[in-house]
């Protein structure tokens, strides 16, 4: 996972960068407010806010997970660009009292599954899912995403098929498997090849 952090003190210091790791997007009003504040700026730059999490007691950590709208990727340059754009937003209307650490990160390979489209994109891959209420006498499920039927996520688990309403999910993310890693490497190589082709075309 790629990420960048900044220490935030009113009115806010410079940002620095480093390599690093429902509502499904937010779990409380503070996180929802952060999404409302940053989403217009992120969308304007071509990014989607995947989710927001606030953690910590004495010193808070605000994590904003994002990805490019175009291809679902997020590089370190993207993290830097988004962080710099969000700096004046947080300086103007700081959503968290006191000092806190701001982290802009990519979803990572074993990414959270936030939208119906995420489940459709990763059909055939393993996922861990938790539900708000009991379903089939349990709340935690692990299995392969076999289908998405309207608002129902279908998982093939070791004990049979689980059919879960998307609205009933409280947490969902991919499981890191050899298949997932192989597909991620294949996607990265394709992107690298496309970039090299573009560079060659620009130098001609």
C-alpha atoms as a PDB file:
ATOM      1  CA  UNK A   1       0.000   0.000   0.000  1.00  0.00           C
ATOM      2  CA  UNK A   2       1.177   3.506  -0.786  1.00  0.00           C
ATOM      3  CA  UNK A   3       0.470   6.359   1.590  1.00  0.00           C
ATOM      4  CA  UNK A   4       1.527   9.784   2.685  1.00  0.00           C
ATOM      5  CA  UNK A   5       1.232  11.332   6.113  1.00  0.00           C
ATOM      6  CA  UNK A   6       1.166  14.791   7.567  1.00  0.00           C
ATOM      7  CA  UNK A   7       0.939  16.050  11.127  1.00  0.00           C
ATOM      8  CA  UNK A   8      -1.955  18.455  11.390  1.00  0.00           C
ATOM      9  CA  UNK A   9      -1.916  21.285  13.902  1.00  0.00           C
ATOM     10  CA  UNK A  10      -4.257  24.218  13.485  1.00  0.00           C
ATOM     11  CA  UNK A  11      -3.866  25.923  11.043  1.00  0.00           C
ATOM     12  CA  UNK A  12      -1.755  23.070   9.625  1.00  0.00           C
ATOM     13  CA  UNK A  13       1.907  22.444   8.736  1.00  0.00           C
ATOM     14  CA  UNK A  14       3.472  21.371   5.432  1.00  0.00           C
ATOM     15  CA  UNK A  15       2.898  17.825   4.259  1.00  0.00           C
ATOM     16  CA  UNK A  16       5.534  15.128   3.846  1.00  0.00           C
ATOM     17  CA  UNK A  17       5.489  11.896   1.893  1.00  0.00           C
ATOM     18  CA  UNK A  18       6.441   8.285   2.631  1.00  0.00           C
ATOM     19  CA  UNK A  19       5.926   4.780   1.252  1.00  0.00           C
ATOM     20  CA  UNK A  20       3.984   2.479   3.372  1.00  0.00           C
ATOM     21  CA  UNK A  21      -0.766   0.229   4.281  1.00  0.00           C
ATOM     22  CA  UNK A  22     -21.291   0.643   5.993  1.00  0.00           C
ATOM     23  CA  UNK A  23     -21.465   2.825   5.827  1.00  0.00           C
ATOM     24  CA  UNK A  24     -18.557   1.056   4.239  1.00  0.00           C
ATOM     25  CA  UNK A  25     -16.882   4.399   3.522  1.00  0.00           C
ATOM     26  CA  UNK A  26     -17.480   5.911   6.959  1.00  0.00           C
ATOM     27  CA  UNK A  27     -18.446   4.572  10.376  1.00  0.00           C
ATOM     28  CA  UNK A  28     -19.379   7.749  12.273  1.00  0.00           C
ATOM     29  CA  UNK A  29     -20.444  11.396  11.726  1.00  0.00           C
ATOM     30  CA  UNK A  30     -16.864  12.719  11.894  1.00  0.00           C
ATOM     31  CA  UNK A  31     -15.774  10.438   9.061  1.00  0.00           C
ATOM     32  CA  UNK A  32     -18.880  11.337   7.077  1.00  0.00           C
ATOM     33  CA  UNK A  33     -18.057  15.030   7.502  1.00  0.00           C
ATOM     34  CA  UNK A  34     -14.513  14.465   6.265  1.00  0.00           C
ATOM     35  CA  UNK A  35     -15.856  12.732   3.148  1.00  0.00           C
ATOM     36  CA  UNK A  36     -18.217  15.642   2.495  1.00  0.00           C
ATOM     37  CA  UNK A  37     -15.311  18.087   2.858  1.00  0.00           C
ATOM     38  CA  UNK A  38     -12.741  16.329   0.682  1.00  0.00           C
ATOM     39  CA  UNK A  39     -14.862  14.679  -1.994  1.00  0.00           C
ATOM     40  CA  UNK A  40     -15.387  17.758  -4.214  1.00  0.00           C
ATOM     41  CA  UNK A  41     -11.641  18.447  -4.333  1.00  0.00           C
ATOM     42  CA  UNK A  42     -10.752  14.793  -4.880  1.00  0.00           C
ATOM     43  CA  UNK A  43     -13.317  14.354  -7.655  1.00  0.00           C
ATOM     44  CA  UNK A  44     -12.113  17.516  -9.355  1.00  0.00           C
ATOM     45  CA  UNK A  45      -8.615  16.040  -9.520  1.00  0.00           C
ATOM     46  CA  UNK A  46      -9.854  12.727 -10.886  1.00  0.00           C
ATOM     47  CA  UNK A  47      -9.804  10.734  -7.634  1.00  0.00           C
ATOM     48  CA  UNK A  48     -12.453   8.709  -5.818  1.00  0.00           C
ATOM     49  CA  UNK A  49     -12.554   8.675  -2.014  1.00  0.00           C
ATOM     50  CA  UNK A  50     -12.629   4.974  -1.171  1.00  0.00           C
ATOM     51  CA  UNK A  51     -13.096   5.372   2.572  1.00  0.00           C
ATOM     52  CA  UNK A  52     -12.206   7.495   5.592  1.00  0.00           C
ATOM     53  CA  UNK A  53     -11.190   6.227   9.029  1.00  0.00           C
ATOM     54  CA  UNK A  54     -10.382   8.114  12.241  1.00  0.00           C
ATOM     55  CA  UNK A  55      -8.465   6.131  14.869  1.00  0.00           C
ATOM     56  CA  UNK A  56      -6.405   6.686  18.010  1.00  0.00           C
ATOM     57  CA  UNK A  57      -7.115   8.141  21.435  1.00  0.00           C
ATOM     58  CA  UNK A  58      -4.646  10.773  22.638  1.00  0.00           C
ATOM     59  CA  UNK A  59      -3.426  11.487  19.122  1.00  0.00           C
ATOM     60  CA  UNK A  60      -5.804  10.864  16.276  1.00  0.00           C
ATOM     61  CA  UNK A  61      -4.981   9.449  12.861  1.00  0.00           C
ATOM     62  CA  UNK A  62      -7.129  10.464   9.909  1.00  0.00           C
ATOM     63  CA  UNK A  63      -6.731   8.054   6.994  1.00  0.00           C
ATOM     64  CA  UNK A  64      -8.162   8.988   3.609  1.00  0.00           C
ATOM     65  CA  UNK A  65      -8.008   6.108   1.170  1.00  0.00           C
ATOM     66  CA  UNK A  66      -8.379   7.098  -2.472  1.00  0.00           C
ATOM     67  CA  UNK A  67      -7.943   5.838  -6.036  1.00  0.00           C
ATOM     68  CA  UNK A  68      -7.913   7.238  -9.547  1.00  0.00           C
ATOM     69  CA  UNK A  69     -11.331   7.339 -11.194  1.00  0.00           C
ATOM     70  CA  UNK A  70      -9.777   6.270 -14.482  1.00  0.00           C
ATOM     71  CA  UNK A  71      -8.302   2.920 -13.486  1.00  0.00           C
ATOM     72  CA  UNK A  72      -8.643   2.376  -9.726  1.00  0.00           C
ATOM     73  CA  UNK A  73      -4.891   2.781  -9.135  1.00  0.00           C
ATOM     74  CA  UNK A  74      -3.129   5.213  -6.775  1.00  0.00           C
ATOM     75  CA  UNK A  75       0.597   5.973  -6.924  1.00  0.00           C
ATOM     76  CA  UNK A  76       2.777   7.943  -4.550  1.00  0.00           C
ATOM     77  CA  UNK A  77       2.642  10.965  -6.890  1.00  0.00           C
ATOM     78  CA  UNK A  78      -1.151  10.759  -6.738  1.00  0.00           C
ATOM     79  CA  UNK A  79      -1.026  10.708  -2.918  1.00  0.00           C
ATOM     80  CA  UNK A  80       1.223  13.766  -2.941  1.00  0.00           C
ATOM     81  CA  UNK A  81      -0.990  15.636  -5.379  1.00  0.00           C
ATOM     82  CA  UNK A  82      -4.168  14.925  -3.456  1.00  0.00           C
ATOM     83  CA  UNK A  83      -2.582  15.801  -0.109  1.00  0.00           C
ATOM     84  CA  UNK A  84      -1.377  19.175  -1.355  1.00  0.00           C
ATOM     85  CA  UNK A  85      -4.806  19.937  -2.762  1.00  0.00           C
ATOM     86  CA  UNK A  86      -6.514  19.004   0.526  1.00  0.00           C
ATOM     87  CA  UNK A  87      -4.163  21.074   2.714  1.00  0.00           C
ATOM     88  CA  UNK A  88      -6.103  24.357   2.286  1.00  0.00           C
ATOM     89  CA  UNK A  89      -9.394  22.496   2.795  1.00  0.00           C
ATOM     90  CA  UNK A  90      -8.267  21.256   6.217  1.00  0.00           C
ATOM     91  CA  UNK A  91      -6.691  24.602   7.085  1.00  0.00           C
ATOM     92  CA  UNK A  92      -9.992  26.339   6.423  1.00  0.00           C
ATOM     93  CA  UNK A  93     -12.328  23.858   8.064  1.00  0.00           C
ATOM     94  CA  UNK A  94     -10.418  21.401  10.260  1.00  0.00           C
ATOM     95  CA  UNK A  95     -12.789  18.490  10.971  1.00  0.00           C
ATOM     96  CA  UNK A  96     -10.857  17.064  13.935  1.00  0.00           C
ATOM     97  CA  UNK A  97     -10.036  19.140  17.048  1.00  0.00           C
ATOM     98  CA  UNK A  98      -6.397  19.359  18.126  1.00  0.00           C
ATOM     99  CA  UNK A  99      -3.371  17.695  16.580  1.00  0.00           C
ATOM    100  CA  UNK A 100      -3.716  14.634  14.386  1.00  0.00           C
ATOM    101  CA  UNK A 101      -1.859  12.700  11.699  1.00  0.00           C
ATOM    102  CA  UNK A 102      -3.267  12.868   8.190  1.00  0.00           C
ATOM    103  CA  UNK A 103      -2.593   9.870   5.969  1.00  0.00           C
ATOM    104  CA  UNK A 104      -3.464   9.658   2.285  1.00  0.00           C
ATOM    105  CA  UNK A 105      -3.216   6.071   1.059  1.00  0.00           C
ATOM    106  CA  UNK A 106      -3.979   3.754  -1.813  1.00  0.00           C
ATOM    107  CA  UNK A 107      -6.461   0.896  -1.326  1.00  0.00           C
ATOM    108  CA  UNK A 108      -3.681  -1.704  -1.629  1.00  0.00           C
ATOM    109  CA  UNK A 109      -3.932  -5.157  -3.208  1.00  0.00           C
ATOM    110  CA  UNK A 110      -6.178  -6.637  -0.497  1.00  0.00           C
ATOM    111  CA  UNK A 111      -8.378  -3.579  -0.808  1.00  0.00           C
ATOM    112  CA  UNK A 112     -11.663  -2.769   0.894  1.00  0.00           C
ATOM    113  CA  UNK A 113     -14.760  -3.467  -1.173  1.00  0.00           C
ATOM    114  CA  UNK A 114     -16.916  -0.367  -0.864  1.00  0.00           C
ATOM    115  CA  UNK A 115     -19.272  -0.291  -3.841  1.00  0.00           C
ATOM    116  CA  UNK A 116     -21.342  -2.855  -5.712  1.00  0.00           C
ATOM    117  CA  UNK A 117     -19.001  -2.199  -8.635  1.00  0.00           C
ATOM    118  CA  UNK A 118     -16.034  -3.330  -6.525  1.00  0.00           C
ATOM    119  CA  UNK A 119     -17.616  -6.739  -6.004  1.00  0.00           C
ATOM    120  CA  UNK A 120     -18.416  -6.999  -9.719  1.00  0.00           C
ATOM    121  CA  UNK A 121     -14.831  -6.084 -10.624  1.00  0.00           C
ATOM    122  CA  UNK A 122     -13.386  -8.809  -8.377  1.00  0.00           C
ATOM    123  CA  UNK A 123     -15.712 -11.699  -9.154  1.00  0.00           C
ATOM    124  CA  UNK A 124     -13.661 -14.870  -8.844  1.00  0.00           C
ATOM    125  CA  UNK A 125     -11.538 -13.540  -5.989  1.00  0.00           C
ATOM    126  CA  UNK A 126     -11.738 -14.363  -2.282  1.00  0.00           C
ATOM    127  CA  UNK A 127     -13.167 -11.852   0.182  1.00  0.00           C
ATOM    128  CA  UNK A 128     -13.860 -11.469   3.890  1.00  0.00           C
ATOM    129  CA  UNK A 129     -17.207  -9.912   4.723  1.00  0.00           C
ATOM    130  CA  UNK A 130     -18.907  -8.835   7.927  1.00  0.00           C
ATOM    131  CA  UNK A 131     -22.584  -7.969   8.268  1.00  0.00           C
ATOM    132  CA  UNK A 132     -24.427  -5.541  10.524  1.00  0.00           C
ATOM    133  CA  UNK A 133     -27.016  -8.127  11.533  1.00  0.00           C
ATOM    134  CA  UNK A 134     -26.890 -11.904  11.741  1.00  0.00           C
ATOM    135  CA  UNK A 135     -27.227 -13.747   8.435  1.00  0.00           C
ATOM    136  CA  UNK A 136     -27.500 -17.526   8.437  1.00  0.00           C
ATOM    137  CA  UNK A 137     -26.657 -17.433  12.167  1.00  0.00           C
ATOM    138  CA  UNK A 138     -23.343 -15.654  11.626  1.00  0.00           C
ATOM    139  CA  UNK A 139     -21.884 -12.240  10.872  1.00  0.00           C
ATOM    140  CA  UNK A 140     -18.488 -13.124   9.380  1.00  0.00           C
ATOM    141  CA  UNK A 141     -18.095 -14.787   6.010  1.00  0.00           C
ATOM    142  CA  UNK A 142     -15.128 -15.783   3.862  1.00  0.00           C
ATOM    143  CA  UNK A 143     -15.446 -17.075   0.345  1.00  0.00           C
ATOM    144  CA  UNK A 144     -15.037 -16.449  -3.348  1.00  0.00           C
ATOM    145  CA  UNK A 145     -17.203 -13.761  -4.916  1.00  0.00           C
ATOM    146  CA  UNK A 146     -19.186 -15.852  -7.395  1.00  0.00           C
ATOM    147  CA  UNK A 147     -21.820 -13.356  -8.524  1.00  0.00           C
ATOM    148  CA  UNK A 148     -23.519 -10.028  -7.934  1.00  0.00           C
ATOM    149  CA  UNK A 149     -27.258 -10.158  -8.439  1.00  0.00           C
ATOM    150  CA  UNK A 150     -28.714  -6.684  -8.109  1.00  0.00           C
ATOM    151  CA  UNK A 151     -28.015  -5.675  -4.504  1.00  0.00           C
ATOM    152  CA  UNK A 152     -27.102  -9.217  -3.411  1.00  0.00           C
ATOM    153  CA  UNK A 153     -23.499 -10.386  -3.088  1.00  0.00           C
ATOM    154  CA  UNK A 154     -23.088 -14.124  -3.634  1.00  0.00           C
ATOM    155  CA  UNK A 155     -20.143 -15.833  -1.904  1.00  0.00           C
ATOM    156  CA  UNK A 156     -19.044 -19.425  -2.414  1.00  0.00           C
ATOM    157  CA  UNK A 157     -17.897 -20.473   1.071  1.00  0.00           C
ATOM    158  CA  UNK A 158     -16.597 -23.751   2.475  1.00  0.00           C
ATOM    159  CA  UNK A 159     -20.048 -24.453   3.894  1.00  0.00           C
ATOM    160  CA  UNK A 160     -22.048 -23.504   0.829  1.00  0.00           C
ATOM    161  CA  UNK A 161     -23.422 -20.422  -0.897  1.00  0.00           C
ATOM    162  CA  UNK A 162     -23.969 -17.223   1.116  1.00  0.00           C
ATOM    163  CA  UNK A 163     -26.289 -14.559  -0.300  1.00  0.00           C
ATOM    164  CA  UNK A 164     -25.771 -11.230   1.432  1.00  0.00           C
ATOM    165  CA  UNK A 165     -27.575  -7.944   0.930  1.00  0.00           C
ATOM    166  CA  UNK A 166     -25.079  -5.206   0.125  1.00  0.00           C
ATOM    167  CA  UNK A 167     -26.881  -2.808   2.488  1.00  0.00           C
ATOM    168  CA  UNK A 168     -26.327  -5.282   5.341  1.00  0.00           C
ATOM    169  CA  UNK A 169     -22.503  -5.205   5.017  1.00  0.00           C
ATOM    170  CA  UNK A 170     -20.439  -3.425   7.666  1.00  0.00           C
ATOM    171  CA  UNK A 171     -16.992  -4.424   6.384  1.00  0.00           C
ATOM    172  CA  UNK A 172     -15.692  -6.145   3.255  1.00  0.00           C
ATOM    173  CA  UNK A 173     -12.236  -6.590   1.763  1.00  0.00           C
ATOM    174  CA  UNK A 174     -10.310  -8.845  -0.594  1.00  0.00           C
ATOM    175  CA  UNK A 175      -8.186 -11.694   0.733  1.00  0.00           C
ATOM    176  CA  UNK A 176      -4.555 -11.677  -0.399  1.00  0.00           C
ATOM    177  CA  UNK A 177      -4.126 -14.740  -2.610  1.00  0.00           C
ATOM    178  CA  UNK A 178      -1.645 -15.880  -5.267  1.00  0.00           C
ATOM    179  CA  UNK A 179      -4.306 -15.247  -7.911  1.00  0.00           C
ATOM    180  CA  UNK A 180      -4.873 -11.688  -6.724  1.00  0.00           C
ATOM    181  CA  UNK A 181      -1.123 -10.962  -6.599  1.00  0.00           C
ATOM    182  CA  UNK A 182      -0.620 -12.409 -10.090  1.00  0.00           C
ATOM    183  CA  UNK A 183      -3.394 -10.259 -11.551  1.00  0.00           C
ATOM    184  CA  UNK A 184      -2.031  -7.165  -9.825  1.00  0.00           C
ATOM    185  CA  UNK A 185       1.450  -7.798 -11.256  1.00  0.00           C
ATOM    186  CA  UNK A 186      -0.022  -8.355 -14.712  1.00  0.00           C
ATOM    187  CA  UNK A 187      -1.937  -5.075 -14.459  1.00  0.00           C
ATOM    188  CA  UNK A 188       1.172  -3.226 -13.277  1.00  0.00           C
ATOM    189  CA  UNK A 189       3.266  -4.601 -16.169  1.00  0.00           C
ATOM    190  CA  UNK A 190       0.569  -3.596 -18.670  1.00  0.00           C
ATOM    191  CA  UNK A 191       0.492  -0.074 -17.238  1.00  0.00           C
ATOM    192  CA  UNK A 192       4.299   0.132 -17.368  1.00  0.00           C
ATOM    193  CA  UNK A 193       4.339  -1.040 -20.991  1.00  0.00           C
ATOM    194  CA  UNK A 194       1.682   1.509 -21.912  1.00  0.00           C
ATOM    195  CA  UNK A 195       3.694   4.278 -20.245  1.00  0.00           C
ATOM    196  CA  UNK A 196       6.852   3.262 -22.144  1.00  0.00           C
ATOM    197  CA  UNK A 197       4.908   3.283 -25.411  1.00  0.00           C
ATOM    198  CA  UNK A 198       3.619   6.755 -24.677  1.00  0.00           C
ATOM    199  CA  UNK A 199       7.132   7.968 -23.829  1.00  0.00           C
ATOM    200  CA  UNK A 200       8.487   6.579 -27.101  1.00  0.00           C
ATOM    201  CA  UNK A 201       5.694   8.247 -29.026  1.00  0.00           C
ATOM    202  CA  UNK A 202       6.349  11.598 -27.356  1.00  0.00           C
ATOM    203  CA  UNK A 203      10.073  11.501 -28.202  1.00  0.00           C
ATOM    204  CA  UNK A 204       9.459  10.926 -31.901  1.00  0.00           C
END
